[in-house]
Protein backbone atom coordinates (compact mmCIF):
# COMPACT_ATOMS: atom_id res chain seq x y z
CA UNK A 1 249.36 83.64 269.32
CA UNK A 2 250.40 80.34 267.29
CA UNK A 3 251.04 76.84 268.89
CA UNK A 4 253.80 74.97 267.85
CA UNK A 5 253.34 71.98 266.01
CA UNK A 6 255.29 69.70 268.50
CA UNK A 7 252.91 70.78 271.19
CA UNK A 8 249.92 70.02 269.19
CA UNK A 9 251.12 66.52 268.79
CA UNK A 10 251.88 66.31 272.57
CA UNK A 11 248.47 67.40 273.08
CA UNK A 12 246.94 64.83 270.79
CA UNK A 13 249.27 61.93 272.01
CA UNK A 14 247.99 62.84 276.04
CA UNK A 15 244.59 62.88 274.63
CA UNK A 16 244.31 59.73 272.91
CA UNK A 17 245.95 58.04 275.80
CA UNK A 18 243.51 59.50 278.19
CA UNK A 19 240.53 58.72 276.09
CA UNK A 20 241.75 55.33 275.51
CA UNK A 21 242.06 54.51 279.34
CA UNK A 22 239.06 55.99 280.16
CA UNK A 23 236.66 53.78 278.14
CA UNK A 24 238.79 50.63 278.71
CA UNK A 25 240.78 50.46 275.93
CA UNK A 26 243.65 48.39 274.87
CA UNK A 27 244.01 50.31 271.51
CA UNK A 28 243.14 53.68 270.04
CA UNK A 29 243.74 55.33 266.90
CA UNK A 30 243.21 58.93 265.70
CA UNK A 31 243.23 59.45 261.99
CA UNK A 32 243.73 63.26 260.78
CA UNK A 33 242.78 64.61 257.51
CA UNK A 34 245.43 66.75 256.09
CA UNK A 35 244.21 69.48 253.78
CA UNK A 36 240.73 68.22 253.75
CA UNK A 37 241.97 65.19 251.52
CA UNK A 38 240.69 61.60 252.16
CA UNK A 39 243.87 60.13 252.69
CA UNK A 40 244.56 60.38 256.30
CA UNK A 41 247.61 60.28 258.72
CA UNK A 42 247.06 58.25 262.10
CA UNK A 43 248.55 58.37 265.23
CA UNK A 44 248.25 55.30 267.79
CA UNK A 45 248.25 54.47 271.19
CA UNK A 46 250.13 52.74 273.14
CA UNK A 47 252.27 51.59 270.25
CA UNK A 48 251.79 50.53 266.71
CA UNK A 49 249.17 47.46 265.77
CA UNK A 50 249.01 46.68 262.18
CA UNK A 51 246.04 43.88 262.98
CA UNK A 52 244.15 46.87 264.88
CA UNK A 53 245.18 49.65 262.42
CA UNK A 54 244.17 48.05 259.29
CA UNK A 55 240.52 46.70 261.45
CA UNK A 56 239.86 49.93 261.39
CA UNK A 57 240.38 51.49 258.47
CA UNK A 58 237.33 50.62 256.50
CA UNK A 59 235.28 52.10 260.14
CA UNK A 60 237.31 54.99 260.09
CA UNK A 61 236.72 55.87 256.73
CA UNK A 62 233.02 55.16 256.49
CA UNK A 63 232.49 56.95 259.92
CA UNK A 64 234.13 60.26 258.18
CA UNK A 65 232.06 59.62 254.92
CA UNK A 66 228.64 59.47 256.99
CA UNK A 67 229.73 61.87 259.68
CA UNK A 68 228.29 59.86 262.63
CA UNK A 69 229.66 57.43 265.00
CA UNK A 70 230.07 53.61 264.37
CA UNK A 71 230.25 50.72 266.92
CA UNK A 72 231.83 47.05 265.82
CA UNK A 73 231.29 44.14 268.13
CA UNK A 74 233.39 41.49 268.12
CA UNK A 75 231.01 39.17 266.26
CA UNK A 76 228.98 41.70 264.21
CA UNK A 77 228.65 45.51 263.77
CA UNK A 78 225.91 47.24 265.44
CA UNK A 79 222.57 48.84 263.62
CA UNK A 80 224.78 51.55 263.19
CA UNK A 81 226.89 50.28 260.34
CA UNK A 82 226.03 47.50 257.80
CA UNK A 83 229.60 45.71 257.62
CA UNK A 84 232.46 44.09 260.02
CA UNK A 85 235.58 45.40 259.49
CA UNK A 86 238.36 42.67 258.79
CA UNK A 87 241.83 42.34 260.70
CA UNK A 88 240.71 43.23 264.28
CA UNK A 89 238.95 40.26 266.38
CA UNK A 90 237.78 42.42 268.87
CA UNK A 91 235.19 45.22 269.20
CA UNK A 92 235.60 49.10 267.62
CA UNK A 93 234.15 52.31 268.49
CA UNK A 94 234.95 54.98 265.92
CA UNK A 95 234.00 58.73 266.31
CA UNK A 96 234.63 61.03 263.68
CA UNK A 97 235.73 64.79 264.84
CA UNK A 98 233.95 67.69 263.02
CA UNK A 99 234.67 71.30 262.47
CA UNK A 100 231.30 72.46 261.95
CA UNK A 101 230.29 70.22 259.15
CA UNK A 102 233.64 69.12 258.00
CA UNK A 103 235.43 65.83 258.86
CA UNK A 104 238.69 66.87 260.33
CA UNK A 105 239.78 63.29 261.66
CA UNK A 106 238.41 60.86 263.52
CA UNK A 107 239.49 58.63 266.69
CA UNK A 108 238.94 54.79 266.83
CA UNK A 109 239.33 52.75 270.28
CA UNK A 110 239.56 48.59 270.41
CA UNK A 111 239.28 46.30 272.74
CA UNK A 112 240.03 42.47 272.73
CA UNK A 113 237.48 39.79 272.12
CA UNK A 114 236.04 38.36 275.12
CA UNK A 115 235.88 42.14 276.77
CA UNK A 116 232.31 43.57 277.06
CA UNK A 117 231.34 45.56 273.71
CA UNK A 118 231.41 49.41 273.73
CA UNK A 119 228.28 50.75 274.86
CA UNK A 120 226.17 54.00 274.46
CA UNK A 121 227.61 55.22 277.78
CA UNK A 122 231.32 54.84 276.02
CA UNK A 123 230.27 56.78 273.45
CA UNK A 124 229.15 59.33 275.82
CA UNK A 125 232.30 59.49 277.31
CA UNK A 126 234.40 60.11 274.28
CA UNK A 127 232.03 62.69 272.84
CA UNK A 128 232.90 64.77 275.87
CA UNK A 129 236.42 63.80 275.82
CA UNK A 130 237.00 64.82 272.34
CA UNK A 131 235.63 68.06 271.86
CA UNK A 132 238.68 69.94 272.01
CA UNK A 133 240.21 67.48 269.45
CA UNK A 134 238.59 68.93 266.24
CA UNK A 135 239.86 72.50 266.84
CA UNK A 136 243.13 71.52 267.83
CA UNK A 137 243.10 69.54 264.59
CA UNK A 138 241.29 72.18 262.50
CA UNK A 139 243.66 75.41 263.29
CA UNK A 140 246.93 73.04 263.22
CA UNK A 141 246.30 71.11 260.20
CA UNK A 142 245.05 73.66 257.67
CA UNK A 143 241.84 73.00 256.05
CA UNK A 144 241.97 75.82 253.16
CA UNK A 145 238.43 75.96 252.80
CA UNK A 146 234.88 74.06 253.87
CA UNK A 147 235.06 71.68 250.68
CA UNK A 148 233.89 68.50 250.95
CA UNK A 149 236.88 66.15 251.09
CA UNK A 150 235.20 63.18 249.44
CA UNK A 151 234.42 64.89 246.50
CA UNK A 152 234.80 68.56 244.41
CA UNK A 153 231.94 71.12 245.68
CA UNK A 154 229.10 71.58 243.44
CA UNK A 155 226.96 73.31 245.86
CA UNK A 156 224.53 71.32 248.51
CA UNK A 157 222.96 68.33 246.52
CA UNK A 158 219.04 68.31 247.56
CA UNK A 159 218.99 64.94 246.24
CA UNK A 160 220.00 62.26 249.13
CA UNK A 161 220.14 58.77 248.52
CA UNK A 162 222.17 55.63 247.69
CA UNK A 163 219.60 53.06 246.53
CA UNK A 164 219.38 51.50 243.35
CA UNK A 165 215.62 53.15 243.22
CA UNK A 166 217.23 56.50 244.12
CA UNK A 167 219.70 56.13 241.53
CA UNK A 168 217.22 55.38 238.62
CA UNK A 169 215.20 58.37 240.11
CA UNK A 170 218.62 60.25 239.30
CA UNK A 171 219.58 58.71 235.75
CA UNK A 172 215.87 59.76 234.92
CA UNK A 173 216.53 63.43 235.97
CA UNK A 174 219.41 63.47 233.76
CA UNK A 175 217.29 62.20 230.94
CA UNK A 176 214.22 64.56 231.09
CA UNK A 177 215.80 68.01 232.34
CA UNK A 178 216.81 69.15 228.96
CA UNK A 179 213.99 68.00 227.12
CA UNK A 180 210.41 70.61 227.20
CA UNK A 181 207.97 67.65 227.50
CA UNK A 182 205.84 67.62 230.45
CA UNK A 183 207.09 65.65 233.54
CA UNK A 184 204.54 63.23 235.21
CA UNK A 185 205.70 62.39 239.10
CA UNK A 186 203.73 59.84 241.17
CA UNK A 187 204.55 58.89 244.77
CA UNK A 188 202.89 58.58 248.11
CA UNK A 189 202.54 62.08 250.43
CA UNK A 190 205.86 62.86 251.62
CA UNK A 191 208.23 60.99 249.23
CA UNK A 192 209.59 64.55 247.74
CA UNK A 193 208.16 65.23 244.50
CA UNK A 194 208.40 68.64 244.57
CA UNK A 195 212.39 68.34 245.29
CA UNK A 196 212.59 66.26 242.33
CA UNK A 197 210.73 68.35 240.01
CA UNK A 198 213.12 71.36 241.46
CA UNK A 199 215.98 69.37 240.47
CA UNK A 200 214.77 68.84 237.01
CA UNK A 201 214.21 72.83 236.67
CA UNK A 202 217.51 73.60 238.42
CA UNK A 203 219.79 70.70 236.24
CA UNK A 204 217.86 72.19 232.91
CA UNK A 205 218.46 74.73 230.28
CA UNK A 206 215.73 76.36 231.97
CA UNK A 207 217.22 77.12 235.27
CA UNK A 208 217.54 80.66 234.79
CA UNK A 209 213.78 80.85 234.26
CA UNK A 210 211.65 81.23 237.47
CA UNK A 211 210.09 77.60 239.13
CA UNK A 212 206.75 78.39 240.01
CA UNK A 213 204.86 75.39 242.19
CA UNK A 214 200.80 75.25 242.57
CA UNK A 215 199.14 73.00 245.17
CA UNK A 216 196.09 72.30 243.36
CA UNK A 217 194.31 70.96 246.37
CA UNK A 218 195.05 73.69 248.55
CA UNK A 219 193.01 76.36 246.39
CA UNK A 220 189.48 76.72 245.69
CA UNK A 221 188.37 76.26 242.51
CA UNK A 222 186.99 79.67 242.23
CA UNK A 223 190.19 81.15 243.24
CA UNK A 224 192.74 78.57 241.34
CA UNK A 225 191.62 79.56 238.00
CA UNK A 226 192.38 82.96 238.52
CA UNK A 227 195.59 82.37 239.96
CA UNK A 228 196.57 80.00 237.17
CA UNK A 229 195.25 82.28 234.18
CA UNK A 230 195.11 85.52 235.65
CA UNK A 231 191.92 87.91 235.01
CA UNK A 232 190.88 91.47 233.46
CA UNK A 233 190.00 94.53 235.72
CA UNK A 234 185.93 94.14 236.32
CA UNK A 235 186.07 90.37 235.33
CA UNK A 236 184.13 89.48 238.36
CA UNK A 237 183.72 91.46 241.98
CA UNK A 238 187.00 92.13 243.64
CA UNK A 239 188.94 92.22 240.49
CA UNK A 240 190.19 95.86 240.75
CA UNK A 241 192.90 95.61 238.39
CA UNK A 242 194.28 93.51 235.59
CA UNK A 243 196.26 90.60 236.66
CA UNK A 244 198.90 88.48 235.60
CA UNK A 245 198.13 84.73 236.50
CA UNK A 246 200.88 82.22 237.69
CA UNK A 247 201.17 80.98 234.73
CA UNK A 248 202.29 84.18 232.81
CA UNK A 249 205.01 84.40 235.95
CA UNK A 250 206.49 81.01 235.17
CA UNK A 251 207.32 82.34 231.32
CA UNK A 252 210.89 81.09 230.57
CA UNK A 253 211.02 78.50 233.49
CA UNK A 254 209.00 75.86 235.03
CA UNK A 255 205.41 75.46 236.30
CA UNK A 256 204.77 72.51 238.77
CA UNK A 257 201.20 71.27 239.37
CA UNK A 258 201.32 69.41 242.76
CA UNK A 259 198.43 67.26 243.63
CA UNK A 260 197.44 67.32 239.92
CA UNK A 261 194.49 64.35 240.71
CA UNK A 262 192.52 67.16 243.02
CA UNK A 263 191.83 69.53 239.84
CA UNK A 264 187.99 69.66 238.89
CA UNK A 265 187.29 68.58 236.00
CA UNK A 266 186.46 72.32 233.89
CA UNK A 267 190.04 73.08 234.89
CA UNK A 268 191.29 69.96 233.37
CA UNK A 269 189.87 70.68 230.40
CA UNK A 270 191.45 74.24 230.28
CA UNK A 271 194.79 72.76 231.09
CA UNK A 272 194.47 70.24 228.40
CA UNK A 273 193.85 73.10 225.97
CA UNK A 274 196.85 74.76 227.41
CA UNK A 275 199.35 71.72 226.71
CA UNK A 276 198.04 71.77 223.43
CA UNK A 277 198.30 74.87 222.42
CA UNK A 278 200.63 76.84 224.80
CA UNK A 279 198.13 79.76 224.74
CA UNK A 280 196.18 81.20 227.77
CA UNK A 281 193.61 83.76 228.15
CA UNK A 282 192.98 85.82 231.34
CA UNK A 283 189.43 85.37 232.52
CA UNK A 284 187.28 88.62 231.12
CA UNK A 285 189.60 89.10 228.11
CA UNK A 286 189.31 87.67 224.74
CA UNK A 287 192.51 87.82 223.74
CA UNK A 288 195.11 84.70 223.90
CA UNK A 289 198.53 85.42 225.09
CA UNK A 290 201.32 82.83 224.42
CA UNK A 291 203.62 81.30 226.91
CA UNK A 292 206.84 79.18 226.81
CA UNK A 293 206.20 77.20 229.90
CA UNK A 294 207.58 73.81 230.96
CA UNK A 295 205.13 71.67 232.77
CA UNK A 296 205.94 69.50 235.70
CA UNK A 297 202.90 67.83 237.67
CA UNK A 298 202.41 65.20 240.42
CA UNK A 299 200.38 63.18 242.17
CA UNK A 300 199.85 60.71 244.89
CA UNK A 301 196.69 59.26 243.51
CA UNK A 302 196.16 56.08 241.31
CA UNK A 303 194.72 58.49 238.47
CA UNK A 304 193.82 55.25 236.29
CA UNK A 305 191.24 54.62 238.94
CA UNK A 306 190.26 58.78 239.08
CA UNK A 307 189.45 57.87 235.21
CA UNK A 308 187.52 54.61 235.87
CA UNK A 309 185.57 56.85 238.24
CA UNK A 310 185.23 59.81 236.01
CA UNK A 311 187.10 61.89 237.91
CA UNK A 312 189.77 62.74 235.58
CA UNK A 313 189.92 63.23 231.86
CA UNK A 314 191.78 60.19 229.78
CA UNK A 315 193.25 62.70 227.21
CA UNK A 316 194.77 65.21 229.82
CA UNK A 317 196.32 62.01 231.29
CA UNK A 318 197.77 60.84 228.33
CA UNK A 319 199.08 64.49 227.71
CA UNK A 320 200.62 64.73 231.04
CA UNK A 321 202.30 61.06 231.40
CA UNK A 322 204.67 61.87 228.61
CA UNK A 323 207.68 61.35 230.54
CA UNK A 324 207.26 59.69 234.31
CA UNK A 325 209.07 59.26 237.60
CA UNK A 326 207.65 57.18 239.91
CA UNK A 327 209.08 57.78 243.44
CA UNK A 328 209.07 54.83 245.91
CA UNK A 329 207.94 55.10 249.42
CA UNK A 330 210.93 55.64 252.04
CA UNK A 331 210.39 51.99 253.32
CA UNK A 332 211.22 50.53 250.29
CA UNK A 333 214.35 52.59 249.95
CA UNK A 334 215.80 51.24 253.45
CA UNK A 335 219.57 52.22 251.81
CA UNK A 336 218.90 55.92 251.52
CA UNK A 337 217.53 56.35 255.17
CA UNK A 338 220.67 56.21 257.00
CA UNK A 339 221.63 58.94 254.63
CA UNK A 340 218.47 60.90 254.93
CA UNK A 341 218.87 60.68 259.11
CA UNK A 342 221.96 62.17 259.27
CA UNK A 343 221.55 64.69 256.69
CA UNK A 344 218.59 66.32 258.86
CA UNK A 345 219.91 65.78 262.06
CA UNK A 346 223.16 67.78 260.78
CA UNK A 347 220.83 70.57 259.20
CA UNK A 348 218.39 71.01 261.84
CA UNK A 349 220.75 70.95 264.29
CA UNK A 350 222.92 73.99 262.49
CA UNK A 351 219.30 75.43 262.48
CA UNK A 352 219.04 75.30 266.22
CA UNK A 353 222.70 76.71 266.70
CA UNK A 354 223.41 73.26 268.31
CA UNK A 355 226.62 71.41 268.48
CA UNK A 356 227.33 68.01 266.20
CA UNK A 357 224.48 65.81 267.70
CA UNK A 358 224.82 61.90 267.37
CA UNK A 359 222.19 58.86 267.48
CA UNK A 360 222.77 56.32 269.92
CA UNK A 361 222.71 52.76 268.34
CA UNK A 362 219.47 51.70 269.85
CA UNK A 363 218.02 54.83 268.81
CA UNK A 364 219.12 54.27 265.45
CA UNK A 365 217.97 50.67 265.08
CA UNK A 366 214.65 51.99 265.97
CA UNK A 367 214.62 54.49 263.47
CA UNK A 368 215.79 52.11 261.01
CA UNK A 369 213.26 49.35 261.60
CA UNK A 370 210.39 51.81 261.64
CA UNK A 371 208.18 51.76 258.18
CA UNK A 372 207.81 55.28 257.82
CA UNK A 373 204.16 55.66 256.45
CA UNK A 374 204.49 59.16 256.23
CA UNK A 375 207.91 59.01 254.27
CA UNK A 376 210.24 61.78 254.65
CA UNK A 377 207.76 64.74 255.98
CA UNK A 378 207.50 62.39 258.99
CA UNK A 379 211.06 61.52 259.25
CA UNK A 380 211.76 65.31 259.32
CA UNK A 381 209.36 66.28 261.81
CA UNK A 382 210.60 63.32 263.87
CA UNK A 383 214.30 63.99 263.99
CA UNK A 384 213.01 67.93 264.77
CA UNK A 385 211.27 66.82 267.70
CA UNK A 386 214.09 64.37 268.81
CA UNK A 387 216.79 67.62 268.79
CA UNK A 388 213.88 69.53 270.77
CA UNK A 389 213.79 66.85 273.39
CA UNK A 390 217.45 65.82 273.72
CA UNK A 391 218.08 69.94 274.93
CA UNK A 392 221.53 69.98 275.46
CA UNK A 393 222.78 66.62 274.81
CA UNK A 394 224.85 65.60 272.03
CA UNK A 395 223.18 62.41 271.94
CA UNK A 396 219.35 61.44 270.93
CA UNK A 397 218.48 58.24 272.86
CA UNK A 398 215.83 55.82 272.46
CA UNK A 399 213.76 57.83 275.14
CA UNK A 400 213.48 60.81 272.69
CA UNK A 401 211.72 58.91 269.86
CA UNK A 402 207.86 59.26 269.62
CA UNK A 403 206.16 56.27 271.23
CA UNK A 404 204.94 55.00 267.34
CA UNK A 405 208.57 54.40 266.67
CA UNK A 406 209.90 53.11 270.16
CA UNK A 407 207.05 51.62 271.58
CA UNK A 408 208.81 50.30 274.31
CA UNK A 409 208.05 53.74 275.88
CA UNK A 410 205.03 52.91 277.12
CA UNK A 411 205.56 49.62 278.37
CA UNK A 412 208.64 51.58 280.17
CA UNK A 413 206.21 54.13 281.44
CA UNK A 414 204.57 51.51 283.75
CA UNK A 415 207.92 50.72 285.34
CA UNK A 416 208.06 54.15 286.48
CA UNK A 417 204.92 52.94 289.23
CA UNK A 418 207.59 50.26 290.86
CA UNK A 419 210.12 53.14 293.09
CA UNK A 420 212.85 50.97 293.37
CA UNK A 421 213.16 50.45 289.82
CA UNK A 422 212.27 53.93 288.89
CA UNK A 423 214.88 54.91 291.45
CA UNK A 424 217.55 52.38 289.57
CA UNK A 425 217.01 54.11 286.52
CA UNK A 426 216.84 57.14 287.54
CA UNK A 427 220.55 56.89 289.72
CA UNK A 428 222.07 55.42 286.36
CA UNK A 429 221.22 57.97 284.17
CA UNK A 430 222.01 60.73 286.42
CA UNK A 431 225.43 59.12 286.98
CA UNK A 432 225.91 58.91 283.29
CA UNK A 433 225.16 62.55 282.86
CA UNK A 434 227.17 63.63 285.62
CA UNK A 435 230.44 61.74 284.08
CA UNK A 436 229.64 63.22 280.43
CA UNK A 437 229.13 66.64 282.12
CA UNK A 438 232.08 66.77 284.69
CA UNK A 439 234.75 64.71 283.14
CA UNK A 440 237.13 61.75 283.99
CA UNK A 441 237.85 63.43 287.10
CA UNK A 442 235.58 60.82 289.64
CA UNK A 443 236.76 63.05 292.53
CA UNK A 444 235.52 66.05 290.58
CA UNK A 445 232.49 64.60 289.70
CA UNK A 446 231.49 63.22 292.88
CA UNK A 447 231.92 66.59 294.71
CA UNK A 448 229.77 68.29 292.22
CA UNK A 449 226.92 66.09 292.62
CA UNK A 450 227.08 65.83 296.49
CA UNK A 451 228.40 62.30 297.04
CA UNK A 452 231.63 61.30 298.68
CA UNK A 453 233.58 59.19 296.35
CA UNK A 454 233.27 56.20 297.99
CA UNK A 455 229.42 56.70 297.20
CA UNK A 456 230.13 57.49 293.80
CA UNK A 457 232.17 54.21 292.85
CA UNK A 458 229.10 52.29 294.87
CA UNK A 459 227.14 53.49 292.27
CA UNK A 460 229.42 52.70 289.39
CA UNK A 461 230.07 49.46 291.07
CA UNK A 462 226.47 48.73 290.95
CA UNK A 463 225.15 49.77 287.73
CA UNK A 464 228.61 48.58 285.92
CA UNK A 465 229.35 51.95 284.58
CA UNK A 466 232.73 51.55 283.69
CA UNK A 467 235.01 48.27 284.03
CA UNK A 468 237.64 50.31 286.45
CA UNK A 469 235.41 52.18 288.91
CA UNK A 470 238.50 53.51 290.77
CA UNK A 471 240.16 55.10 287.31
CA UNK A 472 240.59 58.78 287.24
CA UNK A 473 240.37 59.41 291.14
CA UNK A 474 242.61 62.44 290.97
């Protein structure tokens, strides 16, 4: 059964007005991406306002591109975004509407100067009230495919970053991808060195061949030689059959040696010969075998210091460092952090079968300010943890963050020992969650949580939740 375009437009208009009134806004705008294309059509409430529409346009476009909510105060933008939109002197709240991971539209709300800026509680309310809008836009304004509306689809790009440092890495990958010379990748642990090695392989002419990765520090020396070069039957106790090594398995493709700084000196000598001759000899055999492999290696150690200490061969060092890519730590790539946060929240949310989850401005500020000594690996673990702790909540809050990222958690924990302050904090959070769970009808909310309407309104006024506690009494 199909619903007429007129009824859909009527539903959108009424929904926009309801959202605007419920979060005490003077202006509201609904942007609709027609056919998945970046230029969008708009619906406005209560009437057209060129100043508001002009001032919100950049914020809407950014929210659609970044797939996350943005808050803009009257004088400065919240930590959720880097630049103040022009043309509207008041505060703004913009929420993208997603169908799966595809933007189909956005809602933008505005308040006049002098009014309190939008808060996380307002964002929660808008999240609740817009739950059905994405489906309506998806069904009414056909999107022919799940392609990215901001560019042609080339498959998911695992390389995520917008900083100048990351642009240099991309440029280097493009320059070395077709060459056969060894590539050396240096960077702290957790910066994504193997991801870069895979990108070199996947973008180059060897992409049809295998990509074989070995962590030199994870396998004991006695086993590592056999794993790399293979062995003949009977060459040592337990060698019950001939076995090809991983280097042979990588023939025609790319061989990635991770943490090469942990390789023992005897194995370094064998690797040096391999790089020079492109030949291997299995343990226990006398004949050599030629291999066609492109070598990529990586380490988080300073090999120059390892050479001074006699732990790494100078001649091997020069053989490996023909083409070098240095990966800066995450703390030096602040422009990449926001993109990575949004990417991992979306990715792990999908893996957990969750609805689209957002991050509150306060939590986002803490995530961006944290130095991330464990780099991208630490960021991944933290966001997975936050999604689990958030449960069914579609908003990751400050209290979901680890104590090392949100030190205030430890300070706030002492507050709970004050009965009256702990009770007030619980009541405030409970009422926020109830309003999101049961919607704008406060009569129903009061009934569901076991309060009278007067009791609910008293708490709303006490904790300054909403500026018009009497709204939505029906």
